[in-house]
Amino acid sequence: MTVERRLKVTEAAGLHARPAAAFAQAAAQAAAEVTVARADAGPQAAGVPAHSVLSLMTLNIRCGDEIVLRASGDDADSALETLVRIAAPA
C-alpha cells in the first residue's frame, strides 16, 4: 500500500542544508520507502529518494513550495508524519 501526503513547506530554510539532512536521516530510519516530488512537477513525477540529501537538494525546495511525499511499506503513515513535522513545523 502506498500513502501520499501533499503539503506546503513552512520550514524557513526549505529543504536545504540542515533541514534536508534531518529530513533524509528521518527517512532513512523508516522501514518504508519514501519519495519526494515537487507538486508543480505534475502527477506523474516519480520523485527522488527521501533518504538522499543530494537528491533532495536537486529539487531546490524552498519555503512556500508544495511537495508530494509518497511512502510504501510497514510504517508508511508514521514515516510521513515524521517527515511532515520536519518540512512543515507547526
PDB file of N, CA and C in Angstrom:
ATOM      1  N   MET A   1       0.832  -1.178   0.000  1.00  0.00           N
ATOM      2  CA  MET A   1       0.000   0.000   0.000  1.00  0.00           C
ATOM      3  C   MET A   1       0.882   1.249   0.000  1.00  0.00           C
ATOM      4  N   THR A   2       0.518   2.216  -0.822  1.00  0.00           N
ATOM      5  CA  THR A   2       1.245   3.486  -0.883  1.00  0.00           C
ATOM      6  C   THR A   2       0.399   4.588  -0.270  1.00  0.00           C
ATOM      7  N   VAL A   3       1.030   5.379   0.590  1.00  0.00           N
ATOM      8  CA  VAL A   3       0.385   6.510   1.245  1.00  0.00           C
ATOM      9  C   VAL A   3       0.984   7.770   0.648  1.00  0.00           C
ATOM     10  N   GLU A   4       0.149   8.779   0.418  1.00  0.00           N
ATOM     11  CA  GLU A   4       0.626  10.021  -0.180  1.00  0.00           C
ATOM     12  C   GLU A   4       0.163  11.210   0.642  1.00  0.00           C
ATOM     13  N   ARG A   5       1.049  12.175   0.817  1.00  0.00           N
ATOM     14  CA  ARG A   5       0.724  13.431   1.508  1.00  0.00           C
ATOM     15  C   ARG A   5       1.219  14.579   0.653  1.00  0.00           C
ATOM     16  N   ARG A   6       0.386  15.563   0.475  1.00  0.00           N
ATOM     17  CA  ARG A   6       0.756  16.788  -0.239  1.00  0.00           C
ATOM     18  C   ARG A   6       0.799  17.886   0.813  1.00  0.00           C
ATOM     19  N   LEU A   7       1.863  18.675   0.831  1.00  0.00           N
ATOM     20  CA  LEU A   7       1.967  19.717   1.845  1.00  0.00           C
ATOM     21  C   LEU A   7       2.773  20.903   1.356  1.00  0.00           C
ATOM     22  N   LYS A   8       2.549  22.011   2.034  1.00  0.00           N
ATOM     23  CA  LYS A   8       3.302  23.234   1.757  1.00  0.00           C
ATOM     24  C   LYS A   8       4.446  23.298   2.763  1.00  0.00           C
ATOM     25  N   VAL A   9       5.654  23.463   2.276  1.00  0.00           N
ATOM     26  CA  VAL A   9       6.833  23.538   3.134  1.00  0.00           C
ATOM     27  C   VAL A   9       6.820  24.874   3.875  1.00  0.00           C
ATOM     28  N   THR A  10       6.859  24.800   5.209  1.00  0.00           N
ATOM     29  CA  THR A  10       6.871  26.023   6.020  1.00  0.00           C
ATOM     30  C   THR A  10       8.195  26.210   6.756  1.00  0.00           C
ATOM     31  N   GLU A  11       9.080  25.222   6.676  1.00  0.00           N
ATOM     32  CA  GLU A  11      10.421  25.367   7.257  1.00  0.00           C
ATOM     33  C   GLU A  11      11.091  26.549   6.560  1.00  0.00           C
ATOM     34  N   ALA A  12      11.566  27.515   7.342  1.00  0.00           N
ATOM     35  CA  ALA A  12      12.117  28.757   6.796  1.00  0.00           C
ATOM     36  C   ALA A  12      13.218  28.529   5.760  1.00  0.00           C
ATOM     37  N   ALA A  13      14.047  27.520   5.973  1.00  0.00           N
ATOM     38  CA  ALA A  13      15.149  27.241   5.048  1.00  0.00           C
ATOM     39  C   ALA A  13      14.733  26.314   3.910  1.00  0.00           C
ATOM     40  N   GLY A  14      13.465  25.928   3.871  1.00  0.00           N
ATOM     41  CA  GLY A  14      13.040  24.953   2.869  1.00  0.00           C
ATOM     42  C   GLY A  14      13.674  23.613   3.203  1.00  0.00           C
ATOM     43  N   LEU A  15      13.973  22.823   2.190  1.00  0.00           N
ATOM     44  CA  LEU A  15      14.682  21.557   2.429  1.00  0.00           C
ATOM     45  C   LEU A  15      16.113  21.705   1.926  1.00  0.00           C
ATOM     46  N   HIS A  16      16.838  22.615   2.556  1.00  0.00           N
ATOM     47  CA  HIS A  16      18.242  22.872   2.236  1.00  0.00           C
ATOM     48  C   HIS A  16      19.072  22.686   3.493  1.00  0.00           C
ATOM     49  N   ALA A  17      20.295  22.304   3.319  1.00  0.00           N
ATOM     50  CA  ALA A  17      21.275  22.168   4.400  1.00  0.00           C
ATOM     51  C   ALA A  17      20.753  21.359   5.586  1.00  0.00           C
ATOM     52  N   ARG A  18      20.667  21.971   6.761  1.00  0.00           N
ATOM     53  CA  ARG A  18      20.288  21.220   7.970  1.00  0.00           C
ATOM     54  C   ARG A  18      18.917  20.571   7.884  1.00  0.00           C
ATOM     55  N   PRO A  19      17.881  21.305   7.438  1.00  0.00           N
ATOM     56  CA  PRO A  19      16.575  20.638   7.342  1.00  0.00           C
ATOM     57  C   PRO A  19      16.605  19.444   6.380  1.00  0.00           C
ATOM     58  N   ALA A  20      17.335  19.556   5.285  1.00  0.00           N
ATOM     59  CA  ALA A  20      17.434  18.440   4.339  1.00  0.00           C
ATOM     60  C   ALA A  20      18.138  17.257   4.984  1.00  0.00           C
ATOM     61  N   ALA A  21      19.171  17.522   5.763  1.00  0.00           N
ATOM     62  CA  ALA A  21      19.889  16.444   6.447  1.00  0.00           C
ATOM     63  C   ALA A  21      18.996  15.759   7.477  1.00  0.00           C
ATOM     64  N   ALA A  22      18.243  16.542   8.246  1.00  0.00           N
ATOM     65  CA  ALA A  22      17.330  15.965   9.241  1.00  0.00           C
ATOM     66  C   ALA A  22      16.229  15.161   8.549  1.00  0.00           C
ATOM     67  N   PHE A  23      15.716  15.680   7.448  1.00  0.00           N
ATOM     68  CA  PHE A  23      14.671  15.016   6.675  1.00  0.00           C
ATOM     69  C   PHE A  23      15.179  13.680   6.136  1.00  0.00           C
ATOM     70  N   ALA A  24      16.365  13.699   5.529  1.00  0.00           N
ATOM     71  CA  ALA A  24      16.951  12.483   4.951  1.00  0.00           C
ATOM     72  C   ALA A  24      17.255  11.450   6.033  1.00  0.00           C
ATOM     73  N   GLN A  25      17.754  11.899   7.174  1.00  0.00           N
ATOM     74  CA  GLN A  25      18.068  10.978   8.265  1.00  0.00           C
ATOM     75  C   GLN A  25      16.797  10.311   8.783  1.00  0.00           C
ATOM     76  N   ALA A  26      15.728  11.086   8.948  1.00  0.00           N
ATOM     77  CA  ALA A  26      14.462  10.522   9.418  1.00  0.00           C
ATOM     78  C   ALA A  26      13.911   9.530   8.399  1.00  0.00           C
ATOM     79  N   ALA A  27      14.016   9.850   7.118  1.00  0.00           N
ATOM     80  CA  ALA A  27      13.535   8.951   6.066  1.00  0.00           C
ATOM     81  C   ALA A  27      14.344   7.656   6.049  1.00  0.00           C
ATOM     82  N   ALA A  28      15.634   7.752   6.282  1.00  0.00           N
ATOM     83  CA  ALA A  28      16.496   6.566   6.276  1.00  0.00           C
ATOM     84  C   ALA A  28      16.186   5.635   7.441  1.00  0.00           C
ATOM     85  N   GLN A  29      15.697   6.177   8.552  1.00  0.00           N
ATOM     86  CA  GLN A  29      15.380   5.359   9.722  1.00  0.00           C
ATOM     87  C   GLN A  29      14.050   4.628   9.571  1.00  0.00           C
ATOM     88  N   ALA A  30      13.218   5.067   8.641  1.00  0.00           N
ATOM     89  CA  ALA A  30      11.916   4.435   8.437  1.00  0.00           C
ATOM     90  C   ALA A  30      12.075   3.132   7.654  1.00  0.00           C
ATOM     91  N   ALA A  31      11.201   2.190   7.943  1.00  0.00           N
ATOM     92  CA  ALA A  31      11.188   0.935   7.185  1.00  0.00           C
ATOM     93  C   ALA A  31      10.575   1.156   5.801  1.00  0.00           C
ATOM     94  N   ALA A  32       9.711   2.148   5.691  1.00  0.00           N
ATOM     95  CA  ALA A  32       9.034   2.442   4.425  1.00  0.00           C
ATOM     96  C   ALA A  32       9.988   3.088   3.431  1.00  0.00           C
ATOM     97  N   GLU A  33       9.705   2.881   2.158  1.00  0.00           N
ATOM     98  CA  GLU A  33      10.421   3.568   1.093  1.00  0.00           C
ATOM     99  C   GLU A  33       9.678   4.875   0.845  1.00  0.00           C
ATOM    100  N   VAL A  34      10.376   6.002   0.942  1.00  0.00           N
ATOM    101  CA  VAL A  34       9.732   7.310   0.820  1.00  0.00           C
ATOM    102  C   VAL A  34      10.368   8.090  -0.326  1.00  0.00           C
ATOM    103  N   THR A  35       9.510   8.714  -1.133  1.00  0.00           N
ATOM    104  CA  THR A  35       9.986   9.596  -2.198  1.00  0.00           C
ATOM    105  C   THR A  35       9.387  10.986  -2.010  1.00  0.00           C
ATOM    106  N   VAL A  36      10.072  11.975  -2.582  1.00  0.00           N
ATOM    107  CA  VAL A  36       9.638  13.370  -2.520  1.00  0.00           C
ATOM    108  C   VAL A  36       9.632  13.915  -3.939  1.00  0.00           C
ATOM    109  N   ALA A  37       8.565  14.644  -4.273  1.00  0.00           N
ATOM    110  CA  ALA A  37       8.490  15.296  -5.584  1.00  0.00           C
ATOM    111  C   ALA A  37       7.925  16.696  -5.388  1.00  0.00           C
ATOM    112  N   ARG A  38       8.289  17.584  -6.264  1.00  0.00           N
ATOM    113  CA  ARG A  38       7.681  18.917  -6.268  1.00  0.00           C
ATOM    114  C   ARG A  38       6.265  18.756  -6.817  1.00  0.00           C
ATOM    115  N   ALA A  39       5.298  19.397  -6.184  1.00  0.00           N
ATOM    116  CA  ALA A  39       3.914  19.296  -6.634  1.00  0.00           C
ATOM    117  C   ALA A  39       3.746  19.894  -8.031  1.00  0.00           C
ATOM    118  N   ASP A  40       4.542  20.907  -8.355  1.00  0.00           N
ATOM    119  CA  ASP A  40       4.421  21.538  -9.668  1.00  0.00           C
ATOM    120  C   ASP A  40       5.059  20.712 -10.787  1.00  0.00           C
ATOM    121  N   ALA A  41       5.635  19.555 -10.436  1.00  0.00           N
ATOM    122  CA  ALA A  41       6.229  18.671 -11.440  1.00  0.00           C
ATOM    123  C   ALA A  41       5.168  17.806 -12.112  1.00  0.00           C
ATOM    124  N   GLY A  42       3.936  17.846 -11.590  1.00  0.00           N
ATOM    125  CA  GLY A  42       2.847  17.082 -12.188  1.00  0.00           C
ATOM    126  C   GLY A  42       2.628  15.759 -11.489  1.00  0.00           C
ATOM    127  N   PRO A  43       1.471  15.158 -11.713  1.00  0.00           N
ATOM    128  CA  PRO A  43       1.102  13.920 -11.015  1.00  0.00           C
ATOM    129  C   PRO A  43       1.952  12.711 -11.403  1.00  0.00           C
ATOM    130  N   GLN A  44       2.611  12.761 -12.529  1.00  0.00           N
ATOM    131  CA  GLN A  44       3.418  11.627 -12.974  1.00  0.00           C
ATOM    132  C   GLN A  44       4.868  11.696 -12.498  1.00  0.00           C
ATOM    133  N   ALA A  45       5.219  12.748 -11.762  1.00  0.00           N
ATOM    134  CA  ALA A  45       6.594  12.901 -11.287  1.00  0.00           C
ATOM    135  C   ALA A  45       6.947  11.743 -10.361  1.00  0.00           C
ATOM    136  N   ALA A  46       8.043  11.077 -10.639  1.00  0.00           N
ATOM    137  CA  ALA A  46       8.451   9.911  -9.861  1.00  0.00           C
ATOM    138  C   ALA A  46       8.980  10.305  -8.486  1.00  0.00           C
ATOM    139  N   GLY A  47       9.586  11.448  -8.381  1.00  0.00           N
ATOM    140  CA  GLY A  47      10.165  11.872  -7.115  1.00  0.00           C
ATOM    141  C   GLY A  47      11.557  11.310  -6.926  1.00  0.00           C
ATOM    142  N   VAL A  48      12.194  11.758  -5.855  1.00  0.00           N
ATOM    143  CA  VAL A  48      13.545  11.316  -5.521  1.00  0.00           C
ATOM    144  C   VAL A  48      13.498  10.603  -4.172  1.00  0.00           C
ATOM    145  N   PRO A  49      14.483   9.757  -3.892  1.00  0.00           N
ATOM    146  CA  PRO A  49      14.512   9.082  -2.593  1.00  0.00           C
ATOM    147  C   PRO A  49      14.660  10.098  -1.460  1.00  0.00           C
ATOM    148  N   ALA A  50      13.783  10.014  -0.483  1.00  0.00           N
ATOM    149  CA  ALA A  50      13.786  10.967   0.629  1.00  0.00           C
ATOM    150  C   ALA A  50      15.009  10.799   1.531  1.00  0.00           C
ATOM    151  N   HIS A  51      15.657   9.644   1.487  1.00  0.00           N
ATOM    152  CA  HIS A  51      16.808   9.394   2.358  1.00  0.00           C
ATOM    153  C   HIS A  51      18.119   9.958   1.794  1.00  0.00           C
ATOM    154  N   SER A  52      18.053  10.580   0.619  1.00  0.00           N
ATOM    155  CA  SER A  52      19.259  11.102  -0.024  1.00  0.00           C
ATOM    156  C   SER A  52      19.290  12.628   0.031  1.00  0.00           C
ATOM    157  N   VAL A  53      20.209  13.170   0.820  1.00  0.00           N
ATOM    158  CA  VAL A  53      20.341  14.624   0.929  1.00  0.00           C
ATOM    159  C   VAL A  53      20.629  15.233  -0.443  1.00  0.00           C
ATOM    160  N   LEU A  54      21.511  14.641  -1.207  1.00  0.00           N
ATOM    161  CA  LEU A  54      21.849  15.199  -2.520  1.00  0.00           C
ATOM    162  C   LEU A  54      20.643  15.215  -3.449  1.00  0.00           C
ATOM    163  N   SER A  55      19.842  14.152  -3.419  1.00  0.00           N
ATOM    164  CA  SER A  55      18.639  14.114  -4.246  1.00  0.00           C
ATOM    165  C   SER A  55      17.652  15.195  -3.823  1.00  0.00           C
ATOM    166  N   LEU A  56      17.501  15.382  -2.513  1.00  0.00           N
ATOM    167  CA  LEU A  56      16.601  16.427  -2.018  1.00  0.00           C
ATOM    168  C   LEU A  56      17.067  17.800  -2.481  1.00  0.00           C
ATOM    169  N   MET A  57      18.365  18.025  -2.436  1.00  0.00           N
ATOM    170  CA  MET A  57      18.914  19.318  -2.826  1.00  0.00           C
ATOM    171  C   MET A  57      18.657  19.617  -4.308  1.00  0.00           C
ATOM    172  N   THR A  58      18.605  18.582  -5.147  1.00  0.00           N
ATOM    173  CA  THR A  58      18.362  18.814  -6.576  1.00  0.00           C
ATOM    174  C   THR A  58      16.953  19.342  -6.835  1.00  0.00           C
ATOM    175  N   LEU A  59      16.033  19.109  -5.908  1.00  0.00           N
ATOM    176  CA  LEU A  59      14.667  19.605  -6.079  1.00  0.00           C
ATOM    177  C   LEU A  59      14.540  21.094  -5.783  1.00  0.00           C
ATOM    178  N   ASN A  60      15.532  21.659  -5.085  1.00  0.00           N
ATOM    179  CA  ASN A  60      15.547  23.081  -4.759  1.00  0.00           C
ATOM    180  C   ASN A  60      14.225  23.516  -4.103  1.00  0.00           C
ATOM    181  N   ILE A  61      13.843  22.817  -3.041  1.00  0.00           N
ATOM    182  CA  ILE A  61      12.584  23.082  -2.342  1.00  0.00           C
ATOM    183  C   ILE A  61      12.782  24.221  -1.359  1.00  0.00           C
ATOM    184  N   ARG A  62      11.988  25.270  -1.538  1.00  0.00           N
ATOM    185  CA  ARG A  62      12.070  26.460  -0.694  1.00  0.00           C
ATOM    186  C   ARG A  62      10.810  26.589   0.153  1.00  0.00           C
ATOM    187  N   CYS A  63      10.879  27.433   1.146  1.00  0.00           N
ATOM    188  CA  CYS A  63       9.725  27.719   1.985  1.00  0.00           C
ATOM    189  C   CYS A  63       8.590  28.222   1.087  1.00  0.00           C
ATOM    190  N   GLY A  64       7.418  27.650   1.250  1.00  0.00           N
ATOM    191  CA  GLY A  64       6.261  28.026   0.436  1.00  0.00           C
ATOM    192  C   GLY A  64       6.000  27.094  -0.728  1.00  0.00           C
ATOM    193  N   ASP A  65       6.992  26.272  -1.090  1.00  0.00           N
ATOM    194  CA  ASP A  65       6.795  25.306  -2.179  1.00  0.00           C
ATOM    195  C   ASP A  65       5.899  24.167  -1.701  1.00  0.00           C
ATOM    196  N   GLU A  66       5.156  23.600  -2.635  1.00  0.00           N
ATOM    197  CA  GLU A  66       4.312  22.459  -2.319  1.00  0.00           C
ATOM    198  C   GLU A  66       5.015  21.190  -2.795  1.00  0.00           C
ATOM    199  N   ILE A  67       5.023  20.173  -1.930  1.00  0.00           N
ATOM    200  CA  ILE A  67       5.668  18.907  -2.262  1.00  0.00           C
ATOM    201  C   ILE A  67       4.693  17.748  -2.071  1.00  0.00           C
ATOM    202  N   VAL A  68       5.041  16.624  -2.678  1.00  0.00           N
ATOM    203  CA  VAL A  68       4.259  15.399  -2.533  1.00  0.00           C
ATOM    204  C   VAL A  68       5.187  14.334  -1.961  1.00  0.00           C
ATOM    205  N   LEU A  69       4.783  13.773  -0.816  1.00  0.00           N
ATOM    206  CA  LEU A  69       5.519  12.676  -0.191  1.00  0.00           C
ATOM    207  C   LEU A  69       4.753  11.389  -0.468  1.00  0.00           C
ATOM    208  N   ARG A  70       5.458  10.350  -0.896  1.00  0.00           N
ATOM    209  CA  ARG A  70       4.847   9.044  -1.105  1.00  0.00           C
ATOM    210  C   ARG A  70       5.657   8.012  -0.334  1.00  0.00           C
ATOM    211  N   ALA A  71       4.953   7.161   0.392  1.00  0.00           N
ATOM    212  CA  ALA A  71       5.631   6.128   1.171  1.00  0.00           C
ATOM    213  C   ALA A  71       4.920   4.804   0.990  1.00  0.00           C
ATOM    214  N   SER A  72       5.709   3.747   0.923  1.00  0.00           N
ATOM    215  CA  SER A  72       5.137   2.406   0.872  1.00  0.00           C
ATOM    216  C   SER A  72       5.959   1.515   1.794  1.00  0.00           C
ATOM    217  N   GLY A  73       5.254   0.693   2.541  1.00  0.00           N
ATOM    218  CA  GLY A  73       5.915  -0.195   3.489  1.00  0.00           C
ATOM    219  C   GLY A  73       5.192  -0.224   4.811  1.00  0.00           C
ATOM    220  N   ASP A  74       5.774  -0.952   5.759  1.00  0.00           N
ATOM    221  CA  ASP A  74       5.138  -1.198   7.047  1.00  0.00           C
ATOM    222  C   ASP A  74       4.787   0.060   7.827  1.00  0.00           C
ATOM    223  N   ASP A  75       5.672   1.002   7.908  1.00  0.00           N
ATOM    224  CA  ASP A  75       5.416   2.189   8.734  1.00  0.00           C
ATOM    225  C   ASP A  75       5.222   3.445   7.884  1.00  0.00           C
ATOM    226  N   ALA A  76       4.576   3.302   6.741  1.00  0.00           N
ATOM    227  CA  ALA A  76       4.420   4.415   5.805  1.00  0.00           C
ATOM    228  C   ALA A  76       3.744   5.621   6.455  1.00  0.00           C
ATOM    229  N   ASP A  77       2.656   5.399   7.179  1.00  0.00           N
ATOM    230  CA  ASP A  77       1.934   6.521   7.802  1.00  0.00           C
ATOM    231  C   ASP A  77       2.806   7.262   8.811  1.00  0.00           C
ATOM    232  N   SER A  78       3.460   6.524   9.694  1.00  0.00           N
ATOM    233  CA  SER A  78       4.274   7.183  10.719  1.00  0.00           C
ATOM    234  C   SER A  78       5.502   7.848  10.104  1.00  0.00           C
ATOM    235  N   ALA A  79       6.057   7.265   9.049  1.00  0.00           N
ATOM    236  CA  ALA A  79       7.200   7.887   8.372  1.00  0.00           C
ATOM    237  C   ALA A  79       6.794   9.241   7.796  1.00  0.00           C
ATOM    238  N   LEU A  80       5.631   9.296   7.153  1.00  0.00           N
ATOM    239  CA  LEU A  80       5.182  10.560   6.576  1.00  0.00           C
ATOM    240  C   LEU A  80       4.884  11.593   7.654  1.00  0.00           C
ATOM    241  N   GLU A  81       4.304  11.163   8.769  1.00  0.00           N
ATOM    242  CA  GLU A  81       4.028  12.102   9.866  1.00  0.00           C
ATOM    243  C   GLU A  81       5.317  12.738  10.374  1.00  0.00           C
ATOM    244  N   THR A  82       6.348  11.931  10.532  1.00  0.00           N
ATOM    245  CA  THR A  82       7.647  12.442  10.989  1.00  0.00           C
ATOM    246  C   THR A  82       8.222  13.442   9.991  1.00  0.00           C
ATOM    247  N   LEU A  83       8.160  13.116   8.712  1.00  0.00           N
ATOM    248  CA  LEU A  83       8.724  13.986   7.680  1.00  0.00           C
ATOM    249  C   LEU A  83       7.920  15.279   7.546  1.00  0.00           C
ATOM    250  N   VAL A  84       6.628  15.205   7.718  1.00  0.00           N
ATOM    251  CA  VAL A  84       5.792  16.409   7.672  1.00  0.00           C
ATOM    252  C   VAL A  84       6.192  17.361   8.804  1.00  0.00           C
ATOM    253  N   ARG A  85       6.459  16.831   9.985  1.00  0.00           N
ATOM    254  CA  ARG A  85       6.870  17.679  11.110  1.00  0.00           C
ATOM    255  C   ARG A  85       8.183  18.405  10.837  1.00  0.00           C
ATOM    256  N   ILE A  86       9.050  17.811  10.028  1.00  0.00           N
ATOM    257  CA  ILE A  86      10.322  18.450   9.685  1.00  0.00           C
ATOM    258  C   ILE A  86      10.124  19.509   8.603  1.00  0.00           C
ATOM    259  N   ALA A  87       9.373  19.164   7.548  1.00  0.00           N
ATOM    260  CA  ALA A  87       9.199  20.086   6.427  1.00  0.00           C
ATOM    261  C   ALA A  87       8.207  21.206   6.688  1.00  0.00           C
ATOM    262  N   ALA A  88       7.230  20.916   7.554  1.00  0.00           N
ATOM    263  CA  ALA A  88       6.181  21.912   7.838  1.00  0.00           C
ATOM    264  C   ALA A  88       5.922  21.984   9.327  1.00  0.00           C
ATOM    265  N   PRO A  89       6.921  22.482  10.091  1.00  0.00           N
ATOM    266  CA  PRO A  89       6.729  22.559  11.544  1.00  0.00           C
ATOM    267  C   PRO A  89       5.582  23.509  11.895  1.00  0.00           C
ATOM    268  N   ALA A  90       4.898  23.177  12.965  1.00  0.00           N
ATOM    269  CA  ALA A  90       3.727  23.997  13.372  1.00  0.00           C
ATOM    270  C   ALA A  90       4.126  25.355  13.858  1.00  0.00           C
TER     271      ALA A  90
END
